[in-house]
C-alpha cells in the first residue's frame, strides 16, 4: 500500500505491517484514503483531531447559514382599506426581518368567477412594498385561492442585518454625548 505522511509528502509503497509499525512509532493512525486505487493509498494522521476539525467546520458552516422562513398572510377579495393597510404593514415588517411572505386570497362563492380582482389586489400590495420586496412567485390561481410569494430585496437584507447588529451591539452601550 502507498503511504502518505501527515504533511502530504509520499513515504512510498510499504507492506501493511510496516505501515502499521510506522504509524505506531509516530503515534498516529493509519487511515485508508483511496481503497480502490492500485496500490491502495493510506495516510498517517491523528484521526481524532481530524474528526474534531471536521465537526468545527460543520458547526461554523451551520452558524453562517441563513434560515429563512415563510410567513403567510391571508386576505379576502373584498378587504377594507384599513385591513389592507394592516396587511401591508405586516408584510413590510416580515420582509424587513428577512422572512419571505406568502400572500393568499381565498375566493368564496361567486368571487371565484372574477379572479382578476384578486390578482389586482396582490399586484397593488406588491407595488406598495416594492421598496422592500421582489416578487418571487407571481400570482397563481390554485383551486379556490390565489397566492403570491414575496422575498426580501437584496438591499433590504443587508439593511436588516445592520439593524440587527445595532440592536445587539447597543444593548448595554451608553450614549457618548451624555
Protein backbone atom coordinates (compact mmCIF):
# COMPACT_ATOMS: atom_id res chain seq x y z
CA UNK A 1 0.00 0.00 0.00
CA UNK A 2 1.11 3.55 -0.74
CA UNK A 3 1.70 5.56 2.46
CA UNK A 4 1.34 9.34 2.67
CA UNK A 5 2.85 11.39 5.51
CA UNK A 6 0.76 13.81 7.63
CA UNK A 7 2.21 16.80 5.71
CA UNK A 8 1.14 15.24 2.37
CA UNK A 9 4.54 14.02 1.19
CA UNK A 10 4.90 10.50 -0.21
CA UNK A 11 6.62 7.97 2.04
CA UNK A 12 6.40 5.21 -0.55
CA UNK A 13 4.92 1.77 -1.08
CA UNK A 14 5.06 -0.27 2.15
CA UNK A 15 3.62 -3.53 3.39
CA UNK A 16 0.71 -3.36 5.84
CA UNK A 17 2.85 -4.46 8.79
CA UNK A 18 5.50 -1.83 8.03
CA UNK A 19 2.87 0.94 7.64
CA UNK A 20 1.20 -0.01 10.94
CA UNK A 21 4.58 -0.10 12.69
CA UNK A 22 5.42 3.36 11.28
CA UNK A 23 2.07 4.76 12.45
CA UNK A 24 2.61 3.29 15.90
CA UNK A 25 6.11 4.80 16.13
CA UNK A 26 4.82 8.24 15.16
CA UNK A 27 1.80 7.88 17.50
CA UNK A 28 -0.59 8.41 14.58
CA UNK A 29 -3.40 6.46 12.93
CA UNK A 30 -3.19 4.73 9.55
CA UNK A 31 -6.29 5.77 7.58
CA UNK A 32 -7.20 4.25 4.22
CA UNK A 33 -7.94 7.18 1.89
CA UNK A 34 -8.36 5.54 -1.53
CA UNK A 35 -9.07 1.80 -1.25
CA UNK A 36 -9.92 1.36 -4.96
CA UNK A 37 -6.61 2.60 -6.33
CA UNK A 38 -3.71 0.27 -7.16
CA UNK A 39 -1.98 0.12 -4.71
CA UNK A 40 -4.42 1.37 -2.00
CA UNK A 41 -3.50 4.75 -0.52
CA UNK A 42 -3.26 5.19 3.26
CA UNK A 43 -2.44 8.33 5.19
CA UNK A 44 -0.77 8.78 8.54
CA UNK A 45 -2.85 11.20 10.61
CA UNK A 46 -4.32 11.86 14.03
CA UNK A 47 -7.84 10.67 13.27
CA UNK A 48 -9.40 12.13 16.44
CA UNK A 49 -8.01 15.56 15.61
CA UNK A 50 -9.25 15.21 12.02
CA UNK A 51 -12.80 14.34 13.17
CA UNK A 52 -12.78 17.29 15.59
CA UNK A 53 -11.68 19.72 12.87
CA UNK A 54 -14.43 18.42 10.57
CA UNK A 55 -17.08 18.96 13.27
CA UNK A 56 -15.78 22.50 13.89
CA UNK A 57 -16.04 23.27 10.16
CA UNK A 58 -19.60 21.90 10.02
CA UNK A 59 -20.60 23.90 13.08
CA UNK A 60 -19.13 27.06 11.56
CA UNK A 61 -20.98 26.42 8.29
CA UNK A 62 -24.28 25.97 10.17
CA UNK A 63 -23.66 29.17 12.11
CA UNK A 64 -23.17 31.18 8.94
CA UNK A 65 -26.15 29.59 7.23
CA UNK A 66 -29.21 31.81 6.98
CA UNK A 67 -32.57 30.37 7.85
CA UNK A 68 -35.43 31.96 6.02
CA UNK A 69 -38.95 31.22 7.00
CA UNK A 70 -42.11 31.80 5.01
CA UNK A 71 -44.84 33.81 6.71
CA UNK A 72 -48.33 33.53 5.29
CA UNK A 73 -50.89 36.32 5.25
CA UNK A 74 -54.46 35.68 4.13
CA UNK A 75 -56.88 38.20 2.68
CA UNK A 76 -60.30 38.29 1.12
CA UNK A 77 -61.11 39.90 -2.20
CA UNK A 78 -63.44 42.38 -0.52
CA UNK A 79 -60.92 43.70 2.01
CA UNK A 80 -61.39 47.09 3.65
CA UNK A 81 -58.84 49.89 3.30
CA UNK A 82 -57.83 49.72 6.95
CA UNK A 83 -57.37 45.93 6.85
CA UNK A 84 -55.35 46.28 3.64
CA UNK A 85 -53.11 48.81 5.41
CA UNK A 86 -52.54 46.39 8.29
CA UNK A 87 -51.68 43.60 5.85
CA UNK A 88 -49.27 45.93 4.03
CA UNK A 89 -47.60 46.89 7.34
CA UNK A 90 -47.27 43.24 8.45
CA UNK A 91 -45.85 42.30 5.04
CA UNK A 92 -43.31 45.11 5.31
CA UNK A 93 -42.34 44.04 8.86
CA UNK A 94 -41.83 40.41 7.81
CA UNK A 95 -39.75 41.44 4.81
CA UNK A 96 -37.60 43.77 6.91
CA UNK A 97 -36.85 40.92 9.31
CA UNK A 98 -35.64 38.82 6.36
CA UNK A 99 -38.60 36.45 6.01
CA UNK A 100 -40.41 35.55 2.81
CA UNK A 101 -44.12 36.34 2.69
CA UNK A 102 -46.78 34.21 1.03
CA UNK A 103 -49.91 36.24 0.36
CA UNK A 104 -53.08 34.20 -0.14
CA UNK A 105 -56.52 35.33 -1.25
CA UNK A 106 -59.43 32.96 -0.66
CA UNK A 107 -62.28 33.15 -3.17
CA UNK A 108 -65.73 32.31 -1.82
CA UNK A 109 -68.90 31.71 -3.79
CA UNK A 110 -69.31 34.00 -6.77
CA UNK A 111 -65.92 35.61 -6.14
CA UNK A 112 -64.39 32.63 -7.98
CA UNK A 113 -65.85 33.93 -11.24
CA UNK A 114 -63.68 37.08 -11.08
CA UNK A 115 -60.10 36.04 -10.18
CA UNK A 116 -58.79 39.25 -11.77
CA UNK A 117 -59.97 41.15 -8.65
CA UNK A 118 -57.63 39.01 -6.53
CA UNK A 119 -54.77 39.46 -8.98
CA UNK A 120 -55.28 43.25 -8.92
CA UNK A 121 -55.24 43.22 -5.11
CA UNK A 122 -52.00 41.20 -4.95
CA UNK A 123 -50.38 43.40 -7.62
CA UNK A 124 -51.41 46.52 -5.66
CA UNK A 125 -49.84 45.16 -2.47
CA UNK A 126 -46.67 44.13 -4.33
CA UNK A 127 -46.44 47.64 -5.79
CA UNK A 128 -46.77 49.26 -2.37
CA UNK A 129 -43.98 47.16 -0.81
CA UNK A 130 -41.77 47.22 -3.93
CA UNK A 131 -39.02 49.06 -1.99
CA UNK A 132 -38.70 46.11 0.39
CA UNK A 133 -39.51 43.09 -1.77
CA UNK A 134 -39.15 41.34 -5.06
CA UNK A 135 -41.86 39.08 -6.42
CA UNK A 136 -40.54 35.54 -6.21
CA UNK A 137 -43.72 33.87 -7.44
CA UNK A 138 -46.29 35.80 -9.46
CA UNK A 139 -49.97 35.48 -8.50
CA UNK A 140 -51.13 31.98 -9.32
CA UNK A 141 -54.63 30.54 -9.02
CA UNK A 142 -54.71 27.23 -7.15
CA UNK A 143 -58.23 25.91 -6.67
CA UNK A 144 -60.21 28.38 -4.56
CA UNK A 145 -57.22 30.52 -3.66
CA UNK A 146 -54.66 32.69 -5.37
CA UNK A 147 -51.20 33.07 -3.90
CA UNK A 148 -48.05 35.08 -4.47
CA UNK A 149 -44.66 34.89 -2.75
CA UNK A 150 -42.56 37.96 -1.94
CA UNK A 151 -38.90 37.74 -0.95
CA UNK A 152 -36.84 40.46 0.73
CA UNK A 153 -34.89 42.55 -1.76
CA UNK A 154 -31.09 42.32 -1.68
CA UNK A 155 -30.62 45.81 -0.31
CA UNK A 156 -33.24 45.14 2.33
CA UNK A 157 -31.42 42.01 3.55
CA UNK A 158 -28.22 43.93 4.19
CA UNK A 159 -30.20 46.72 5.87
CA UNK A 160 -31.94 44.19 8.15
CA UNK A 161 -28.59 42.67 9.15
CA UNK A 162 -27.23 46.13 10.01
CA UNK A 163 -30.27 46.89 12.17
CA UNK A 164 -29.97 43.53 13.93
CA UNK A 165 -26.27 44.19 14.57
CA UNK A 166 -27.10 47.60 16.01
CA UNK A 167 -29.75 46.11 18.31
CA UNK A 168 -27.30 43.50 19.60
CA UNK A 169 -24.42 45.97 19.90
CA UNK A 170 -26.36 48.75 21.65
CA UNK A 171 -27.83 46.54 24.35
CA UNK A 172 -25.54 47.85 27.14
CA UNK A 173 -23.69 50.68 25.45
CA UNK A 174 -24.06 54.19 26.82
CA UNK A 175 -24.56 57.25 24.63
CA UNK A 176 -21.28 59.11 24.18
CA UNK A 177 -22.94 62.54 24.17
CA UNK A 178 -24.44 62.08 27.65
